[in-house]
Amino acid sequence: MNLSTTYLGLKLKNPLMPGASPLVDNLDNVRRLEEAGAAAIVMHSLFAEQIEGNKIALDRHVTRWEDNFAEATNFFPDYAVGPEEYLAHLAKIKAATGLPVIASLNGTNVGSWIEHAKQIEQAGADALELNTYFLASQRRATAAEIEQRVLDIARAVRSSVSIPVAVKLSPFYTSVANLVGALEEKKIDGVVLFNRFFQPEIDIESLEVVPRLELSTSEDLRLRIRWLGLLRDQVNLSLACGGGVHTPADIVKSLLAGADAVQVVATLLIRGPERMGELLKGLTEWMEAHEYESVEQMIGALSLRNCPDSEAYERGNYLKTLQLWRE
């Protein structure tokens, strides 16, 4: 059974890796993930607020979320407040494991992206994930401006480092396919689908808008599957599924749609690093039962081009879906 895959030009022993989260801030967890079969390690993002020393903004992004779900409290160590600590931890992960390490960067201006992308490369990262998290909340911000911002950052970082670069996108673009194609033209090596925007909640007793963190579920995977299937035949860069992967079946679906790699977070936070091994075992069992000899055979087997009912990915299937409802 050949589980190997290629992601961002990296030869991986299998398609599974932890997605960006505080989970790997603990070196013991990193070692446990490696022992459980993880193919690579993705670090949490180095935020611009850390880079710029804005502790107030850091608190808004991190501290207020720490105790929102009891199962994962022990996986949230203290965050570093600057790039030095982040780079030092990157080096520690490299020393603690033989796996490729993918750093993650989230910035607010092109200059900070370039500067710290270079530092991350020099610290030994095998690849870099650009976590683009831009919310078009202002009336004057046009779709073209938001997309151009992503492309400008991608171009600037790509020209400043030699390691592979992936862009983690949100699904909230007018044309996801067009934007991914433009990123490919900028020589970006891959995209991660998708970022999750945390939605605020209103506390009707305190009359405050408060943060609320909810982990993904397998239902969140369906949006990723659609775009993996639509993009697989239109671009040649690497595609990673990021969000909604909780079971071996979720991994199978992601690969069949077109993912080269699958990032897992929520189920690891809830059940621990050893869950990675259970997922890999389930993937192998499914492949044996369905007579697949390699992951490569699976990738894109049900993409838009290969799907028996291609309308299932597009609006043409909308009416049929509505008719599924029965009281």
C-alpha atoms as a PDB file:
ATOM      1  CA  MET A   1       0.000   0.000   0.000  1.00  0.00           C
ATOM      2  CA  ASN A   2       1.687   3.213  -1.198  1.00  0.00           C
ATOM      3  CA  LEU A   3       0.442   6.181   0.834  1.00  0.00           C
ATOM      4  CA  SER A   4       3.076   8.625  -0.444  1.00  0.00           C
ATOM      5  CA  THR A   5       2.198  11.933  -2.059  1.00  0.00           C
ATOM      6  CA  THR A   6       3.875  15.121  -3.224  1.00  0.00           C
ATOM      7  CA  TYR A   7       2.858  18.431  -1.685  1.00  0.00           C
ATOM      8  CA  LEU A   8       4.588  21.752  -2.418  1.00  0.00           C
ATOM      9  CA  GLY A   9       7.328  19.744  -4.082  1.00  0.00           C
ATOM     10  CA  LEU A  10       7.943  17.846  -0.838  1.00  0.00           C
ATOM     11  CA  LYS A  11       7.899  14.056  -1.017  1.00  0.00           C
ATOM     12  CA  LEU A  12       5.698  12.938   1.875  1.00  0.00           C
ATOM     13  CA  LYS A  13       5.189   9.430   3.236  1.00  0.00           C
ATOM     14  CA  ASN A  14       1.421  10.010   3.368  1.00  0.00           C
ATOM     15  CA  PRO A  15      -1.009  12.911   2.844  1.00  0.00           C
ATOM     16  CA  LEU A  16      -1.818  13.597   6.523  1.00  0.00           C
ATOM     17  CA  MET A  17      -0.399  16.428   8.608  1.00  0.00           C
ATOM     18  CA  PRO A  18      -1.573  18.615  11.492  1.00  0.00           C
ATOM     19  CA  GLY A  19      -2.840  21.960  10.284  1.00  0.00           C
ATOM     20  CA  ALA A  20      -1.729  25.275  11.746  1.00  0.00           C
ATOM     21  CA  SER A  21      -2.657  25.294  15.438  1.00  0.00           C
ATOM     22  CA  PRO A  22      -1.054  25.623  18.892  1.00  0.00           C
ATOM     23  CA  LEU A  23      -0.842  21.833  19.060  1.00  0.00           C
ATOM     24  CA  VAL A  24       2.768  21.720  17.879  1.00  0.00           C
ATOM     25  CA  ASP A  25       3.939  24.391  20.312  1.00  0.00           C
ATOM     26  CA  ASN A  26       4.600  21.450  22.628  1.00  0.00           C
ATOM     27  CA  LEU A  27       7.591  19.384  21.479  1.00  0.00           C
ATOM     28  CA  ASP A  28       6.192  16.287  23.152  1.00  0.00           C
ATOM     29  CA  ASN A  29       3.121  16.621  20.937  1.00  0.00           C
ATOM     30  CA  VAL A  30       5.369  16.987  17.891  1.00  0.00           C
ATOM     31  CA  ARG A  31       7.114  13.717  18.725  1.00  0.00           C
ATOM     32  CA  ARG A  32       3.782  11.989  19.355  1.00  0.00           C
ATOM     33  CA  LEU A  33       2.477  13.222  15.994  1.00  0.00           C
ATOM     34  CA  GLU A  34       5.555  11.853  14.251  1.00  0.00           C
ATOM     35  CA  GLU A  35       5.181   8.505  16.002  1.00  0.00           C
ATOM     36  CA  ALA A  36       1.495   8.410  15.021  1.00  0.00           C
ATOM     37  CA  GLY A  37       2.411   8.843  11.358  1.00  0.00           C
ATOM     38  CA  ALA A  38       2.158  12.551  10.529  1.00  0.00           C
ATOM     39  CA  ALA A  39       3.894  13.292   7.220  1.00  0.00           C
ATOM     40  CA  ALA A  40       4.844  16.892   8.056  1.00  0.00           C
ATOM     41  CA  ILE A  41       4.454  19.479  10.790  1.00  0.00           C
ATOM     42  CA  VAL A  42       2.598  22.748  10.162  1.00  0.00           C
ATOM     43  CA  MET A  43       3.286  25.438  12.753  1.00  0.00           C
ATOM     44  CA  HIS A  44       0.741  27.990  13.964  1.00  0.00           C
ATOM     45  CA  SER A  45       0.944  31.410  12.338  1.00  0.00           C
ATOM     46  CA  LEU A  46       3.408  34.084  13.293  1.00  0.00           C
ATOM     47  CA  PHE A  47       0.997  37.021  13.448  1.00  0.00           C
ATOM     48  CA  ALA A  48       1.765  40.568  12.389  1.00  0.00           C
ATOM     49  CA  GLU A  49       0.617  41.625  15.834  1.00  0.00           C
ATOM     50  CA  GLN A  50       3.510  39.606  17.253  1.00  0.00           C
ATOM     51  CA  ILE A  51       5.914  41.075  14.719  1.00  0.00           C
ATOM     52  CA  GLU A  52       4.858  44.618  15.488  1.00  0.00           C
ATOM     53  CA  GLY A  53       4.761  44.076  19.239  1.00  0.00           C
ATOM     54  CA  ASN A  54       1.077  44.928  19.504  1.00  0.00           C
ATOM     55  CA  LYS A  55       0.128  43.002  22.634  1.00  0.00           C
ATOM     56  CA  ILE A  56      -3.392  44.369  22.645  1.00  0.00           C
ATOM     57  CA  ALA A  57      -4.084  42.946  19.216  1.00  0.00           C
ATOM     58  CA  LEU A  58      -2.370  39.705  20.198  1.00  0.00           C
ATOM     59  CA  ASP A  59      -4.736  39.415  23.139  1.00  0.00           C
ATOM     60  CA  ARG A  60      -7.674  39.952  20.810  1.00  0.00           C
ATOM     61  CA  HIS A  61      -6.488  37.171  18.506  1.00  0.00           C
ATOM     62  CA  VAL A  62      -5.289  34.623  21.023  1.00  0.00           C
ATOM     63  CA  THR A  63      -5.870  35.035  24.749  1.00  0.00           C
ATOM     64  CA  ARG A  64      -9.622  35.550  24.543  1.00  0.00           C
ATOM     65  CA  TRP A  65     -10.008  32.207  22.759  1.00  0.00           C
ATOM     66  CA  GLU A  66      -7.993  30.035  25.108  1.00  0.00           C
ATOM     67  CA  ASP A  67     -10.736  28.658  27.336  1.00  0.00           C
ATOM     68  CA  ASN A  68     -13.609  28.451  24.884  1.00  0.00           C
ATOM     69  CA  PHE A  69     -13.634  24.662  24.755  1.00  0.00           C
ATOM     70  CA  ALA A  70     -12.530  22.559  27.656  1.00  0.00           C
ATOM     71  CA  GLU A  71     -11.278  19.585  25.649  1.00  0.00           C
ATOM     72  CA  ALA A  72      -8.407  21.544  24.143  1.00  0.00           C
ATOM     73  CA  THR A  73      -7.354  23.815  26.995  1.00  0.00           C
ATOM     74  CA  ASN A  74      -4.174  21.850  27.672  1.00  0.00           C
ATOM     75  CA  PHE A  75      -3.059  22.278  24.069  1.00  0.00           C
ATOM     76  CA  PHE A  76      -2.895  26.080  24.334  1.00  0.00           C
ATOM     77  CA  PRO A  77       0.451  27.052  25.852  1.00  0.00           C
ATOM     78  CA  ASP A  78       1.542  30.660  26.193  1.00  0.00           C
ATOM     79  CA  TYR A  79       2.087  32.249  22.800  1.00  0.00           C
ATOM     80  CA  ALA A  80       5.367  33.931  21.969  1.00  0.00           C
ATOM     81  CA  VAL A  81       5.149  37.708  21.577  1.00  0.00           C
ATOM     82  CA  GLY A  82       7.789  38.127  18.915  1.00  0.00           C
ATOM     83  CA  PRO A  83       9.438  36.507  15.904  1.00  0.00           C
ATOM     84  CA  GLU A  84      12.561  35.502  17.834  1.00  0.00           C
ATOM     85  CA  GLU A  85      10.641  32.997  19.940  1.00  0.00           C
ATOM     86  CA  TYR A  86       8.811  31.692  16.866  1.00  0.00           C
ATOM     87  CA  LEU A  87      12.036  31.144  14.949  1.00  0.00           C
ATOM     88  CA  ALA A  88      13.657  29.501  17.955  1.00  0.00           C
ATOM     89  CA  HIS A  89      10.738  27.091  18.265  1.00  0.00           C
ATOM     90  CA  LEU A  90      10.948  26.316  14.558  1.00  0.00           C
ATOM     91  CA  ALA A  91      14.562  25.293  15.085  1.00  0.00           C
ATOM     92  CA  LYS A  92      13.574  23.133  18.080  1.00  0.00           C
ATOM     93  CA  ILE A  93      10.926  21.320  16.003  1.00  0.00           C
ATOM     94  CA  LYS A  94      13.487  20.695  13.262  1.00  0.00           C
ATOM     95  CA  ALA A  95      15.848  19.230  15.854  1.00  0.00           C
ATOM     96  CA  ALA A  96      13.127  17.112  17.478  1.00  0.00           C
ATOM     97  CA  THR A  97      11.766  15.485  14.323  1.00  0.00           C
ATOM     98  CA  GLY A  98      12.853  14.251  10.932  1.00  0.00           C
ATOM     99  CA  LEU A  99       9.662  15.524   9.317  1.00  0.00           C
ATOM    100  CA  PRO A 100       9.392  18.512   6.973  1.00  0.00           C
ATOM    101  CA  VAL A 101       8.346  21.641   8.880  1.00  0.00           C
ATOM    102  CA  ILE A 102       5.982  24.121   7.266  1.00  0.00           C
ATOM    103  CA  ALA A 103       5.948  27.527   8.949  1.00  0.00           C
ATOM    104  CA  SER A 104       2.943  29.845   8.771  1.00  0.00           C
ATOM    105  CA  LEU A 105       2.923  33.619   8.474  1.00  0.00           C
ATOM    106  CA  ASN A 106       0.080  36.111   8.868  1.00  0.00           C
ATOM    107  CA  GLY A 107       0.928  39.763   8.221  1.00  0.00           C
ATOM    108  CA  THR A 108      -0.714  43.098   7.536  1.00  0.00           C
ATOM    109  CA  ASN A 109       1.677  44.732   5.092  1.00  0.00           C
ATOM    110  CA  VAL A 110       3.981  43.547   2.324  1.00  0.00           C
ATOM    111  CA  GLY A 111       7.150  44.666   4.113  1.00  0.00           C
ATOM    112  CA  SER A 112       6.570  42.527   7.193  1.00  0.00           C
ATOM    113  CA  TRP A 113       5.701  39.485   5.081  1.00  0.00           C
ATOM    114  CA  ILE A 114       8.986  39.722   3.149  1.00  0.00           C
ATOM    115  CA  GLU A 115      11.213  40.380   6.152  1.00  0.00           C
ATOM    116  CA  HIS A 116       9.917  37.527   8.233  1.00  0.00           C
ATOM    117  CA  ALA A 117       9.528  35.106   5.343  1.00  0.00           C
ATOM    118  CA  LYS A 118      13.284  35.441   4.853  1.00  0.00           C
ATOM    119  CA  GLN A 119      13.924  34.833   8.539  1.00  0.00           C
ATOM    120  CA  ILE A 120      11.695  31.771   8.505  1.00  0.00           C
ATOM    121  CA  GLU A 121      13.610  30.357   5.547  1.00  0.00           C
ATOM    122  CA  GLN A 122      16.938  31.027   7.261  1.00  0.00           C
ATOM    123  CA  ALA A 123      15.673  29.278  10.406  1.00  0.00           C
ATOM    124  CA  GLY A 124      15.301  26.065   8.415  1.00  0.00           C
ATOM    125  CA  ALA A 125      11.639  25.839   7.425  1.00  0.00           C
ATOM    126  CA  ASP A 126      11.020  23.415   4.560  1.00  0.00           C
ATOM    127  CA  ALA A 127       8.069  25.430   3.265  1.00  0.00           C
ATOM    128  CA  LEU A 128       5.991  28.469   4.164  1.00  0.00           C
ATOM    129  CA  GLU A 129       2.224  28.869   4.393  1.00  0.00           C
ATOM    130  CA  LEU A 130       0.879  32.403   3.947  1.00  0.00           C
ATOM    131  CA  ASN A 131      -2.241  32.670   6.064  1.00  0.00           C
ATOM    132  CA  THR A 132      -4.234  35.382   4.274  1.00  0.00           C
ATOM    133  CA  TYR A 133      -7.001  36.473   6.591  1.00  0.00           C
ATOM    134  CA  PHE A 134      -8.503  39.646   5.147  1.00  0.00           C
ATOM    135  CA  LEU A 135     -12.113  40.519   5.927  1.00  0.00           C
ATOM    136  CA  ALA A 136     -13.625  42.989   3.470  1.00  0.00           C
ATOM    137  CA  SER A 137     -15.583  44.851   6.123  1.00  0.00           C
ATOM    138  CA  GLN A 138     -15.293  48.376   4.705  1.00  0.00           C
ATOM    139  CA  ARG A 139     -17.773  49.587   2.111  1.00  0.00           C
ATOM    140  CA  ARG A 140     -15.065  51.144  -0.054  1.00  0.00           C
ATOM    141  CA  ALA A 141     -13.021  47.923  -0.267  1.00  0.00           C
ATOM    142  CA  THR A 142     -13.663  46.329  -3.648  1.00  0.00           C
ATOM    143  CA  ALA A 143     -13.297  42.669  -4.519  1.00  0.00           C
ATOM    144  CA  ALA A 144     -10.494  43.514  -6.943  1.00  0.00           C
ATOM    145  CA  GLU A 145      -8.566  45.392  -4.241  1.00  0.00           C
ATOM    146  CA  ILE A 146      -8.836  42.538  -1.761  1.00  0.00           C
ATOM    147  CA  GLU A 147      -7.683  39.981  -4.320  1.00  0.00           C
ATOM    148  CA  GLN A 148      -4.855  42.215  -5.509  1.00  0.00           C
ATOM    149  CA  ARG A 149      -3.644  42.491  -1.939  1.00  0.00           C
ATOM    150  CA  VAL A 150      -3.329  38.703  -1.765  1.00  0.00           C
ATOM    151  CA  LEU A 151      -1.538  38.583  -5.117  1.00  0.00           C
ATOM    152  CA  ASP A 152       0.865  41.386  -4.165  1.00  0.00           C
ATOM    153  CA  ILE A 153       1.836  39.589  -0.963  1.00  0.00           C
ATOM    154  CA  ALA A 154       2.208  36.273  -2.782  1.00  0.00           C
ATOM    155  CA  ARG A 155       4.416  37.818  -5.467  1.00  0.00           C
ATOM    156  CA  ALA A 156       6.579  39.664  -2.943  1.00  0.00           C
ATOM    157  CA  VAL A 157       7.140  36.611  -0.728  1.00  0.00           C
ATOM    158  CA  ARG A 158       7.684  34.279  -3.682  1.00  0.00           C
ATOM    159  CA  SER A 159      10.437  36.544  -5.004  1.00  0.00           C
ATOM    160  CA  SER A 160      12.133  36.806  -1.600  1.00  0.00           C
ATOM    161  CA  VAL A 161      12.489  33.122  -0.632  1.00  0.00           C
ATOM    162  CA  SER A 162      13.454  29.920  -2.415  1.00  0.00           C
ATOM    163  CA  ILE A 163      11.505  27.449  -0.256  1.00  0.00           C
ATOM    164  CA  PRO A 164       8.041  26.308  -1.436  1.00  0.00           C
ATOM    165  CA  VAL A 165       5.202  28.747  -0.669  1.00  0.00           C
ATOM    166  CA  ALA A 166       1.512  27.974  -0.186  1.00  0.00           C
ATOM    167  CA  VAL A 167      -1.320  30.459   0.258  1.00  0.00           C
ATOM    168  CA  LYS A 168      -4.136  29.662   2.654  1.00  0.00           C
ATOM    169  CA  LEU A 169      -7.311  31.223   1.299  1.00  0.00           C
ATOM    170  CA  SER A 170     -10.784  31.892   2.599  1.00  0.00           C
ATOM    171  CA  PRO A 171     -13.770  30.874   0.450  1.00  0.00           C
ATOM    172  CA  PHE A 172     -15.063  34.462   0.383  1.00  0.00           C
ATOM    173  CA  TYR A 173     -13.828  35.586  -3.018  1.00  0.00           C
ATOM    174  CA  THR A 174     -15.912  36.397  -6.064  1.00  0.00           C
ATOM    175  CA  SER A 175     -14.030  33.822  -8.131  1.00  0.00           C
ATOM    176  CA  VAL A 176     -11.935  31.370  -6.166  1.00  0.00           C
ATOM    177  CA  ALA A 177     -10.816  29.586  -9.331  1.00  0.00           C
ATOM    178  CA  ASN A 178      -9.603  32.790 -10.950  1.00  0.00           C
ATOM    179  CA  LEU A 179      -7.670  33.818  -7.848  1.00  0.00           C
ATOM    180  CA  VAL A 180      -6.014  30.400  -7.519  1.00  0.00           C
ATOM    181  CA  GLY A 181      -5.075  30.541 -11.187  1.00  0.00           C
ATOM    182  CA  ALA A 182      -3.537  33.977 -10.673  1.00  0.00           C
ATOM    183  CA  LEU A 183      -1.554  32.639  -7.711  1.00  0.00           C
ATOM    184  CA  GLU A 184      -0.246  29.842  -9.905  1.00  0.00           C
ATOM    185  CA  GLU A 185       0.915  32.460 -12.407  1.00  0.00           C
ATOM    186  CA  LYS A 186       2.832  34.125  -9.550  1.00  0.00           C
ATOM    187  CA  LYS A 187       4.709  30.814  -9.118  1.00  0.00           C
ATOM    188  CA  ILE A 188       3.005  29.965  -5.835  1.00  0.00           C
ATOM    189  CA  ASP A 189       3.471  26.256  -5.145  1.00  0.00           C
ATOM    190  CA  GLY A 190       0.101  25.465  -3.599  1.00  0.00           C
ATOM    191  CA  VAL A 191      -3.068  26.622  -1.876  1.00  0.00           C
ATOM    192  CA  VAL A 192      -4.807  25.482   1.300  1.00  0.00           C
ATOM    193  CA  LEU A 193      -8.615  25.414   1.163  1.00  0.00           C
ATOM    194  CA  PHE A 194      -9.892  27.035   3.350  1.00  0.00           C
ATOM    195  CA  ASN A 195      -9.311  29.428   6.205  1.00  0.00           C
ATOM    196  CA  ARG A 196     -12.081  29.678   8.795  1.00  0.00           C
ATOM    197  CA  PHE A 197     -13.254  33.152   9.809  1.00  0.00           C
ATOM    198  CA  PHE A 198     -14.314  33.081  13.436  1.00  0.00           C
ATOM    199  CA  GLN A 199     -17.752  34.627  13.777  1.00  0.00           C
ATOM    200  CA  PRO A 200     -18.623  36.902  16.718  1.00  0.00           C
ATOM    201  CA  GLU A 201     -21.483  36.204  19.100  1.00  0.00           C
ATOM    202  CA  ILE A 202     -23.786  38.611  20.921  1.00  0.00           C
ATOM    203  CA  ASP A 203     -24.182  38.118  24.654  1.00  0.00           C
ATOM    204  CA  ILE A 204     -27.742  39.285  25.243  1.00  0.00           C
ATOM    205  CA  GLU A 205     -27.203  39.558  29.014  1.00  0.00           C
ATOM    206  CA  SER A 206     -24.025  41.646  29.048  1.00  0.00           C
ATOM    207  CA  LEU A 207     -24.984  43.327  25.759  1.00  0.00           C
ATOM    208  CA  GLU A 208     -21.531  42.757  24.342  1.00  0.00           C
ATOM    209  CA  VAL A 209     -20.144  41.354  21.124  1.00  0.00           C
ATOM    210  CA  VAL A 210     -17.918  38.499  22.281  1.00  0.00           C
ATOM    211  CA  PRO A 211     -15.579  35.987  20.603  1.00  0.00           C
ATOM    212  CA  ARG A 212     -16.796  32.433  20.296  1.00  0.00           C
ATOM    213  CA  LEU A 213     -14.676  29.537  19.111  1.00  0.00           C
ATOM    214  CA  GLU A 214     -16.295  26.400  17.772  1.00  0.00           C
ATOM    215  CA  LEU A 215     -14.288  23.567  16.286  1.00  0.00           C
ATOM    216  CA  SER A 216     -15.080  22.386  12.801  1.00  0.00           C
ATOM    217  CA  THR A 217     -17.264  19.383  12.039  1.00  0.00           C
ATOM    218  CA  SER A 218     -17.339  17.046   9.069  1.00  0.00           C
ATOM    219  CA  GLU A 219     -20.088  19.239   7.610  1.00  0.00           C
ATOM    220  CA  ASP A 220     -17.467  21.938   7.058  1.00  0.00           C
ATOM    221  CA  LEU A 221     -15.669  19.574   4.700  1.00  0.00           C
ATOM    222  CA  ARG A 222     -18.299  19.838   1.982  1.00  0.00           C
ATOM    223  CA  LEU A 223     -17.281  23.352   0.962  1.00  0.00           C
ATOM    224  CA  ARG A 224     -13.667  22.199   0.670  1.00  0.00           C
ATOM    225  CA  ILE A 225     -14.635  19.146  -1.374  1.00  0.00           C
ATOM    226  CA  ARG A 226     -16.517  21.262  -3.879  1.00  0.00           C
ATOM    227  CA  TRP A 227     -13.585  23.554  -4.584  1.00  0.00           C
ATOM    228  CA  LEU A 228     -11.005  20.777  -4.549  1.00  0.00           C
ATOM    229  CA  GLY A 229     -13.059  19.018  -7.197  1.00  0.00           C
ATOM    230  CA  LEU A 230     -13.531  22.167  -9.264  1.00  0.00           C
ATOM    231  CA  LEU A 231      -9.879  23.226  -9.103  1.00  0.00           C
ATOM    232  CA  ARG A 232      -8.106  19.892  -9.525  1.00  0.00           C
ATOM    233  CA  ASP A 233      -8.364  19.888 -13.334  1.00  0.00           C
ATOM    234  CA  GLN A 234      -7.817  23.622 -13.781  1.00  0.00           C
ATOM    235  CA  VAL A 235      -4.498  24.207 -11.982  1.00  0.00           C
ATOM    236  CA  ASN A 236      -1.240  22.329 -11.572  1.00  0.00           C
ATOM    237  CA  LEU A 237      -0.209  23.616  -8.171  1.00  0.00           C
ATOM    238  CA  SER A 238      -0.595  21.592  -4.976  1.00  0.00           C
ATOM    239  CA  LEU A 239      -3.972  21.517  -3.253  1.00  0.00           C
ATOM    240  CA  ALA A 240      -4.416  20.922   0.477  1.00  0.00           C
ATOM    241  CA  CYS A 241      -7.682  20.387   2.291  1.00  0.00           C
ATOM    242  CA  GLY A 242      -7.763  22.447   5.478  1.00  0.00           C
ATOM    243  CA  GLY A 243     -10.892  22.135   7.597  1.00  0.00           C
ATOM    244  CA  GLY A 244     -13.622  19.648   8.447  1.00  0.00           C
ATOM    245  CA  VAL A 245     -11.484  16.494   8.440  1.00  0.00           C
ATOM    246  CA  HIS A 246     -12.417  14.304  11.400  1.00  0.00           C
ATOM    247  CA  THR A 247     -12.679  10.734  10.115  1.00  0.00           C
ATOM    248  CA  PRO A 248     -10.969   8.383   7.647  1.00  0.00           C
ATOM    249  CA  ALA A 249     -13.976   8.880   5.366  1.00  0.00           C
ATOM    250  CA  ASP A 250     -13.299  12.633   5.363  1.00  0.00           C
ATOM    251  CA  ILE A 251      -9.730  11.957   4.227  1.00  0.00           C
ATOM    252  CA  VAL A 252     -10.937   9.671   1.450  1.00  0.00           C
ATOM    253  CA  LYS A 253     -13.390  12.291   0.218  1.00  0.00           C
ATOM    254  CA  SER A 254     -10.723  14.989   0.214  1.00  0.00           C
ATOM    255  CA  LEU A 255      -8.321  12.878  -1.817  1.00  0.00           C
ATOM    256  CA  LEU A 256     -10.945  11.723  -4.300  1.00  0.00           C
ATOM    257  CA  ALA A 257     -11.969  15.344  -4.880  1.00  0.00           C
ATOM    258  CA  GLY A 258      -8.383  16.344  -5.619  1.00  0.00           C
ATOM    259  CA  ALA A 259      -6.355  17.105  -2.487  1.00  0.00           C
ATOM    260  CA  ASP A 260      -2.653  16.289  -2.530  1.00  0.00           C
ATOM    261  CA  ALA A 261      -2.479  16.711   1.246  1.00  0.00           C
ATOM    262  CA  VAL A 262      -4.952  16.807   4.106  1.00  0.00           C
ATOM    263  CA  GLN A 263      -4.534  18.993   7.182  1.00  0.00           C
ATOM    264  CA  VAL A 264      -6.158  17.930  10.455  1.00  0.00           C
ATOM    265  CA  VAL A 265      -6.682  20.068  13.542  1.00  0.00           C
ATOM    266  CA  ALA A 266      -9.935  19.773  15.509  1.00  0.00           C
ATOM    267  CA  THR A 267      -9.965  16.012  15.946  1.00  0.00           C
ATOM    268  CA  LEU A 268      -6.335  16.114  17.129  1.00  0.00           C
ATOM    269  CA  LEU A 269      -7.158  18.807  19.675  1.00  0.00           C
ATOM    270  CA  ILE A 270     -10.045  16.763  20.994  1.00  0.00           C
ATOM    271  CA  ARG A 271      -8.554  13.266  20.886  1.00  0.00           C
ATOM    272  CA  GLY A 272      -4.815  13.875  21.002  1.00  0.00           C
ATOM    273  CA  PRO A 273      -1.924  13.324  18.567  1.00  0.00           C
ATOM    274  CA  GLU A 274      -2.490   9.556  18.523  1.00  0.00           C
ATOM    275  CA  ARG A 275      -5.667  10.195  16.543  1.00  0.00           C
ATOM    276  CA  MET A 276      -3.385  10.669  13.532  1.00  0.00           C
ATOM    277  CA  GLY A 277      -2.522   6.977  13.604  1.00  0.00           C
ATOM    278  CA  GLU A 278      -6.182   5.981  13.766  1.00  0.00           C
ATOM    279  CA  LEU A 279      -6.947   8.133  10.733  1.00  0.00           C
ATOM    280  CA  LEU A 280      -4.112   6.589   8.740  1.00  0.00           C
ATOM    281  CA  LYS A 281      -5.236   3.099   9.684  1.00  0.00           C
ATOM    282  CA  GLY A 282      -8.762   3.909   8.530  1.00  0.00           C
ATOM    283  CA  LEU A 283      -7.476   5.316   5.232  1.00  0.00           C
ATOM    284  CA  THR A 284      -5.422   2.176   4.598  1.00  0.00           C
ATOM    285  CA  GLU A 285      -8.369  -0.094   5.375  1.00  0.00           C
ATOM    286  CA  TRP A 286     -10.600   1.823   2.958  1.00  0.00           C
ATOM    287  CA  MET A 287      -7.986   1.623   0.213  1.00  0.00           C
ATOM    288  CA  GLU A 288      -7.625  -2.131   0.706  1.00  0.00           C
ATOM    289  CA  ALA A 289     -11.376  -2.653   0.659  1.00  0.00           C
ATOM    290  CA  HIS A 290     -11.744  -0.632  -2.559  1.00  0.00           C
ATOM    291  CA  GLU A 291      -8.612  -2.036  -4.209  1.00  0.00           C
ATOM    292  CA  TYR A 292      -6.601   1.158  -4.424  1.00  0.00           C
ATOM    293  CA  GLU A 293      -2.881   0.476  -4.436  1.00  0.00           C
ATOM    294  CA  SER A 294      -1.744   4.064  -3.925  1.00  0.00           C
ATOM    295  CA  VAL A 295      -2.887   7.490  -2.796  1.00  0.00           C
ATOM    296  CA  GLU A 296      -1.797   8.781  -6.187  1.00  0.00           C
ATOM    297  CA  GLN A 297      -4.546   6.697  -7.802  1.00  0.00           C
ATOM    298  CA  MET A 298      -7.098   8.315  -5.508  1.00  0.00           C
ATOM    299  CA  ILE A 299      -6.181  11.974  -5.964  1.00  0.00           C
ATOM    300  CA  GLY A 300      -8.763  13.595  -8.213  1.00  0.00           C
ATOM    301  CA  ALA A 301     -10.531  10.347  -9.067  1.00  0.00           C
ATOM    302  CA  LEU A 302     -13.811  12.198  -8.499  1.00  0.00           C
ATOM    303  CA  SER A 303     -12.768  15.677  -9.618  1.00  0.00           C
ATOM    304  CA  LEU A 304     -15.054  17.695 -11.874  1.00  0.00           C
ATOM    305  CA  ARG A 305     -13.628  16.066 -15.004  1.00  0.00           C
ATOM    306  CA  ASN A 306     -13.785  12.521 -13.620  1.00  0.00           C
ATOM    307  CA  CYS A 307     -17.057  12.705 -11.698  1.00  0.00           C
ATOM    308  CA  PRO A 308     -19.867  10.683 -13.363  1.00  0.00           C
ATOM    309  CA  ASP A 309     -22.261  13.552 -12.582  1.00  0.00           C
ATOM    310  CA  SER A 310     -20.211  16.727 -13.045  1.00  0.00           C
ATOM    311  CA  GLU A 311     -23.254  18.854 -12.233  1.00  0.00           C
ATOM    312  CA  ALA A 312     -22.923  17.662  -8.654  1.00  0.00           C
ATOM    313  CA  TYR A 313     -20.140  20.237  -8.247  1.00  0.00           C
ATOM    314  CA  GLU A 314     -22.003  23.077  -9.933  1.00  0.00           C
ATOM    315  CA  ARG A 315     -25.286  24.961  -9.807  1.00  0.00           C
ATOM    316  CA  GLY A 316     -26.856  22.601 -12.333  1.00  0.00           C
ATOM    317  CA  ASN A 317     -27.437  20.199  -9.457  1.00  0.00           C
ATOM    318  CA  TYR A 318     -29.161  22.826  -7.288  1.00  0.00           C
ATOM    319  CA  LEU A 319     -32.736  21.850  -8.123  1.00  0.00           C
ATOM    320  CA  LYS A 320     -31.987  18.150  -7.656  1.00  0.00           C
ATOM    321  CA  THR A 321     -30.525  18.893  -4.221  1.00  0.00           C
ATOM    322  CA  LEU A 322     -33.597  20.857  -3.157  1.00  0.00           C
ATOM    323  CA  GLN A 323     -35.786  17.934  -4.177  1.00  0.00           C
ATOM    324  CA  LEU A 324     -33.983  15.694  -1.694  1.00  0.00           C
ATOM    325  CA  TRP A 325     -36.018  17.186   1.147  1.00  0.00           C
ATOM    326  CA  ARG A 326     -38.819  15.023   2.465  1.00  0.00           C
ATOM    327  CA  GLU A 327     -40.921  15.719   5.546  1.00  0.00           C
END
